[in-house]
Amino acid sequence: MLYSSRMTTILDDSANSAPLVIDPELEAMMEAGVHLGHSRSRRNPGMTPYLWGVRNNVEIIDLAKTKEHLDIALAFLRQLAGERKMILFVGTRPSSRDLLRKTADALGFPWVAERWIGGALTNFRVVRKRVEILEGLEYEKATGGFEKYPKKEQMQKEKEIAKLTRNFDGLRRLTRLPDAVVIVDIVHDDLALREARRLKVPVVALTDTNTDPRLVQYPIPANDDARTAVSFMLDRMAAAIRDGMRTADQQTPAPAANQGTAQEA
């Protein structure tokens, strides 16, 4: 199946038609399954403008629209990175959480990949305190502080570390409210979306055919289920963010050279 850059034509490989010259990025999106939505019965009305049609009862996302909105979202993320802003990545679905964690860690940004902790944004100070407790326990253990406790109490502290790590490990770098939130699936992680909207924190998100893109400042019409599609989008976001970081590094004034001792008169 070939997809035209103007989205007007989809050709079956079996048809006796000349191959179309298409945008390589649209072709890459198609290979990653970005265009595959849900069944027609699950459509959110807000996604109607971003759909091309239906094939075998599966709604097909218009990849020309996807590229258009992806470019807008990437420009926003690139600008944030260029200004050294903080971006929080959220994706708690088992199928993509490792992809999200790996991407955020490589960029040095905070993430939530296990489950969204209620109040992570709206009750930020309390959540930050939990991170500090985790780091305090880890420091106490690393410096031999656990040895003064009975075995039972040591085990309790170990369990507490494991629990806190599971819930708050990715939030260690979130030392303040983020300047933007990237969400893979706004239906699955609707609490994260609600808190970001409540605090007016801009959201960049993949919007599958069962989502309402009107809830997101920077929607990217795309499959949010397939690992290949999610990986494609996270890779494109990471590349834009790294580009912005390089720009920020280039604009940072070099430290003043050591002038040494004053010249003798």
Protein backbone atom coordinates (compact mmCIF):
# COMPACT_ATOMS: atom_id res chain seq x y z
CA MET A 1 0.00 0.00 0.00
CA LEU A 2 1.34 3.43 -0.93
CA TYR A 3 0.28 6.70 0.58
CA SER A 4 0.45 9.96 -1.35
CA SER A 5 1.88 13.07 0.29
CA ARG A 6 -1.40 14.83 -0.43
CA MET A 7 -3.34 11.90 1.12
CA THR A 8 -5.65 11.82 -1.88
CA THR A 9 -4.73 8.38 -3.13
CA ILE A 10 -4.09 4.98 -1.58
CA LEU A 11 -3.09 2.33 -4.09
CA ASP A 12 -3.24 -1.42 -3.64
CA ASP A 13 0.06 -3.14 -4.47
CA SER A 14 -1.84 -5.55 -6.69
CA ALA A 15 -3.16 -2.76 -8.92
CA ASN A 16 -1.42 -2.14 -12.22
CA SER A 17 -0.50 1.41 -11.32
CA ALA A 18 2.81 3.23 -11.43
CA PRO A 19 4.38 3.75 -7.99
CA LEU A 20 3.77 7.13 -6.43
CA VAL A 21 6.62 9.43 -5.49
CA ILE A 22 5.91 10.04 -1.82
CA ASP A 23 7.36 11.88 1.12
CA PRO A 24 9.91 9.58 2.82
CA GLU A 25 8.65 10.64 6.26
CA LEU A 26 5.08 9.68 5.41
CA GLU A 27 6.35 6.35 4.14
CA ALA A 28 8.26 5.83 7.40
CA MET A 29 5.12 6.68 9.36
CA MET A 30 3.13 4.14 7.40
CA GLU A 31 5.74 1.44 7.95
CA ALA A 32 5.60 2.18 11.68
CA GLY A 33 1.79 1.88 11.71
CA VAL A 34 1.23 5.50 12.71
CA HIS A 35 -1.82 5.69 10.43
CA LEU A 36 -3.75 2.78 11.98
CA GLY A 37 -6.52 3.85 14.32
CA HIS A 38 -9.26 1.96 16.14
CA SER A 39 -12.53 0.57 14.86
CA ARG A 40 -15.11 3.04 13.62
CA SER A 41 -17.34 2.44 16.64
CA ARG A 42 -14.64 3.84 18.97
CA ARG A 43 -14.14 7.11 17.11
CA ASN A 44 -14.09 10.30 19.14
CA PRO A 45 -15.89 13.02 17.12
CA GLY A 46 -12.99 15.38 17.72
CA MET A 47 -10.73 13.21 15.57
CA THR A 48 -12.96 13.38 12.49
CA PRO A 49 -10.95 16.16 10.76
CA TYR A 50 -7.77 14.07 11.04
CA LEU A 51 -9.10 10.89 9.41
CA TRP A 52 -8.58 9.73 5.83
CA GLY A 53 -11.14 6.94 5.77
CA VAL A 54 -11.86 3.37 6.86
CA ARG A 55 -10.28 0.09 5.78
CA ASN A 56 -11.64 -3.25 7.07
CA ASN A 57 -13.50 -1.33 9.80
CA VAL A 58 -10.21 0.25 10.97
CA GLU A 59 -10.07 4.01 10.74
CA ILE A 60 -7.09 5.39 8.85
CA ILE A 61 -5.43 8.55 10.12
CA ASP A 62 -4.51 11.14 7.49
CA LEU A 63 -0.71 11.11 7.61
CA ALA A 64 -0.49 14.47 5.86
CA LYS A 65 -2.30 15.94 8.87
CA THR A 66 -0.07 13.92 11.19
CA LYS A 67 3.06 15.37 9.64
CA GLU A 68 1.65 18.90 9.80
CA HIS A 69 0.87 18.65 13.51
CA LEU A 70 4.04 16.73 14.30
CA ASP A 71 6.12 19.53 12.81
CA ILE A 72 4.31 22.07 15.01
CA ALA A 73 4.83 19.96 18.14
CA LEU A 74 8.50 19.36 17.33
CA ALA A 75 9.09 23.08 16.83
CA PHE A 76 7.57 23.69 20.27
CA LEU A 77 9.74 21.03 21.93
CA ARG A 78 12.83 22.29 20.13
CA GLN A 79 12.15 25.80 21.40
CA LEU A 80 11.68 24.58 24.98
CA ALA A 81 14.94 22.66 24.86
CA GLY A 82 16.70 25.67 23.39
CA GLU A 83 15.51 27.68 26.39
CA ARG A 84 16.58 24.91 28.80
CA LYS A 85 13.02 24.30 29.91
CA MET A 86 11.85 21.17 31.71
CA ILE A 87 9.73 18.54 29.94
CA LEU A 88 7.95 15.71 31.76
CA PHE A 89 7.34 12.48 29.83
CA VAL A 90 4.30 10.34 30.73
CA GLY A 91 3.46 6.90 29.38
CA THR A 92 2.29 4.18 31.74
CA ARG A 93 0.97 1.58 29.31
CA PRO A 94 3.04 -1.62 29.61
CA SER A 95 3.56 -1.77 25.85
CA SER A 96 5.45 1.52 25.69
CA ARG A 97 6.66 2.40 29.18
CA ASP A 98 10.19 1.14 28.58
CA LEU A 99 10.45 3.19 25.37
CA LEU A 100 9.35 6.31 27.20
CA ARG A 101 11.67 5.72 30.16
CA LYS A 102 14.64 5.15 27.87
CA THR A 103 13.90 8.30 25.86
CA ALA A 104 13.46 10.55 28.90
CA ASP A 105 16.55 9.18 30.65
CA ALA A 106 18.68 9.73 27.56
CA LEU A 107 17.53 13.35 27.44
CA GLY A 108 17.90 13.92 31.18
CA PHE A 109 14.20 14.66 31.73
CA PRO A 110 11.77 13.34 34.37
CA TRP A 111 9.26 10.62 33.52
CA VAL A 112 6.31 8.64 34.83
CA ALA A 113 6.18 5.12 33.41
CA GLU A 114 4.62 2.92 36.09
CA ARG A 115 1.51 4.77 37.20
CA TRP A 116 0.50 8.38 37.55
CA ILE A 117 0.61 9.49 41.18
CA GLY A 118 -2.41 11.67 41.88
CA GLY A 119 -1.24 15.19 42.66
CA ALA A 120 2.14 14.79 40.93
CA LEU A 121 1.54 18.27 39.49
CA THR A 122 -1.35 19.78 41.44
CA ASN A 123 0.13 18.72 44.80
CA PHE A 124 3.73 18.96 43.68
CA ARG A 125 5.29 19.84 47.05
CA VAL A 126 3.95 16.71 48.72
CA VAL A 127 5.17 14.52 45.86
CA ARG A 128 8.56 16.23 45.96
CA LYS A 129 8.76 15.44 49.67
CA ARG A 130 8.29 11.74 48.87
CA VAL A 131 11.22 11.91 46.47
CA GLU A 132 13.34 13.47 49.20
CA ILE A 133 12.35 10.67 51.60
CA LEU A 134 13.39 8.10 48.98
CA GLU A 135 16.77 9.75 48.47
CA GLY A 136 17.26 10.04 52.22
CA LEU A 137 16.63 6.32 52.72
CA GLU A 138 18.98 5.47 49.86
CA TYR A 139 21.70 7.62 51.37
CA GLU A 140 21.20 6.08 54.80
CA LYS A 141 21.51 2.59 53.34
CA ALA A 142 24.56 3.45 51.23
CA THR A 143 26.39 4.90 54.23
CA GLY A 144 25.69 1.90 56.46
CA GLY A 145 22.96 3.55 58.46
CA PHE A 146 20.64 0.53 58.20
CA GLU A 147 23.02 -1.59 60.27
CA LYS A 148 21.89 0.03 63.50
CA TYR A 149 18.32 -1.24 63.02
CA PRO A 150 17.00 -4.70 63.87
CA LYS A 151 16.63 -7.09 60.91
CA LYS A 152 12.86 -6.64 60.81
CA GLU A 153 13.13 -2.86 60.63
CA GLN A 154 15.82 -3.13 57.94
CA MET A 155 13.46 -5.22 55.85
CA GLN A 156 10.69 -2.67 56.31
CA LYS A 157 12.99 0.10 55.12
CA GLU A 158 14.04 -1.98 52.12
CA LYS A 159 10.39 -2.46 51.21
CA GLU A 160 9.79 1.26 51.59
CA ILE A 161 12.67 2.02 49.24
CA ALA A 162 11.30 -0.45 46.68
CA LYS A 163 7.82 1.08 46.88
CA LEU A 164 9.04 4.65 46.64
CA THR A 165 11.37 3.78 43.76
CA ARG A 166 8.53 2.18 41.83
CA ASN A 167 6.35 5.25 42.21
CA PHE A 168 8.80 8.15 42.25
CA ASP A 169 12.05 7.08 40.60
CA GLY A 170 11.32 8.95 37.38
CA LEU A 171 10.38 12.14 39.24
CA ARG A 172 13.80 12.70 40.82
CA ARG A 173 14.63 15.31 38.16
CA LEU A 174 11.29 17.07 38.58
CA THR A 175 12.57 19.72 40.96
CA ARG A 176 9.88 22.18 39.86
CA LEU A 177 6.71 22.14 37.80
CA PRO A 178 7.44 21.22 34.18
CA ASP A 179 7.16 23.68 31.32
CA ALA A 180 5.45 21.02 29.19
CA VAL A 181 4.19 17.45 29.46
CA VAL A 182 4.52 14.80 26.74
CA ILE A 183 1.82 12.10 27.05
CA VAL A 184 1.72 8.96 24.92
CA ASP A 185 -1.91 7.99 25.59
CA ILE A 186 -4.27 10.66 26.95
CA VAL A 187 -7.05 8.14 27.53
CA HIS A 188 -4.94 5.80 29.63
CA ASP A 189 -3.17 8.67 31.41
CA ASP A 190 -6.15 10.98 31.66
CA LEU A 191 -5.23 12.05 35.21
CA ALA A 192 -1.93 13.46 33.98
CA LEU A 193 -3.78 15.36 31.27
CA ARG A 194 -6.30 16.75 33.77
CA GLU A 195 -3.61 18.00 36.14
CA ALA A 196 -1.62 19.59 33.33
CA ARG A 197 -4.74 21.33 32.01
CA ARG A 198 -5.69 22.51 35.48
CA LEU A 199 -2.27 24.14 35.91
CA LYS A 200 -2.22 25.36 32.29
CA VAL A 201 0.92 23.36 31.50
CA PRO A 202 1.13 22.80 27.71
CA VAL A 203 0.66 19.19 26.61
CA VAL A 204 2.14 17.41 23.59
CA ALA A 205 0.38 14.11 22.99
CA LEU A 206 -0.33 11.38 20.48
CA THR A 207 -4.02 11.46 19.69
CA ASP A 208 -5.41 8.17 18.42
CA THR A 209 -8.88 7.91 16.88
CA ASN A 210 -10.49 7.26 20.28
CA THR A 211 -9.15 10.47 21.85
CA ASP A 212 -10.26 14.10 21.89
CA PRO A 213 -7.44 16.20 20.40
CA ARG A 214 -9.20 19.37 21.48
CA LEU A 215 -7.98 18.72 25.03
CA VAL A 216 -4.35 19.03 23.96
CA GLN A 217 -2.43 22.14 22.92
CA TYR A 218 -0.13 20.16 20.61
CA PRO A 219 -1.99 17.06 19.36
CA ILE A 220 -0.24 14.64 17.02
CA PRO A 221 -2.79 12.42 15.22
CA ALA A 222 -1.22 8.98 15.51
CA ASN A 223 -1.55 5.40 16.68
CA ASP A 224 -0.72 5.33 20.39
CA ASP A 225 -0.90 1.54 20.80
CA ALA A 226 1.73 0.02 18.51
CA ARG A 227 5.30 0.05 19.85
CA THR A 228 6.63 0.86 16.40
CA ALA A 229 4.40 3.94 16.14
CA VAL A 230 5.22 5.14 19.66
CA SER A 231 8.93 4.53 19.08
CA PHE A 232 8.82 6.51 15.84
CA MET A 233 7.21 9.50 17.54
CA LEU A 234 9.47 9.42 20.61
CA ASP A 235 12.54 9.25 18.37
CA ARG A 236 11.36 12.29 16.42
CA MET A 237 10.68 14.19 19.65
CA ALA A 238 14.08 13.24 21.06
CA ALA A 239 15.83 14.43 17.90
CA ALA A 240 14.06 17.80 18.07
CA ILE A 241 14.88 18.21 21.75
CA ARG A 242 18.55 17.37 21.19
CA ASP A 243 18.63 19.92 18.38
CA GLY A 244 17.28 22.54 20.77
CA MET A 245 19.83 21.55 23.42
CA ARG A 246 22.67 21.97 20.92
CA THR A 247 21.38 25.42 20.07
CA ALA A 248 21.31 26.32 23.76
CA ASP A 249 24.88 25.07 24.21
CA GLN A 250 26.09 27.12 21.25
CA GLN A 251 24.46 30.25 22.63
CA THR A 252 25.93 29.84 26.11
CA PRO A 253 28.80 32.31 26.54
CA ALA A 254 32.17 30.67 27.00
CA PRO A 255 33.71 31.14 30.46
CA ALA A 256 36.11 34.04 30.70
CA ALA A 257 39.71 33.04 30.11
CA ASN A 258 42.01 33.03 33.12
CA GLN A 259 43.78 36.33 32.96
CA GLY A 260 46.48 35.22 35.40
CA THR A 261 48.40 37.77 37.38
CA ALA A 262 48.22 41.42 36.51
CA GLN A 263 50.81 42.64 34.10
CA GLU A 264 53.71 44.42 35.63
CA ALA A 265 53.85 48.09 35.00
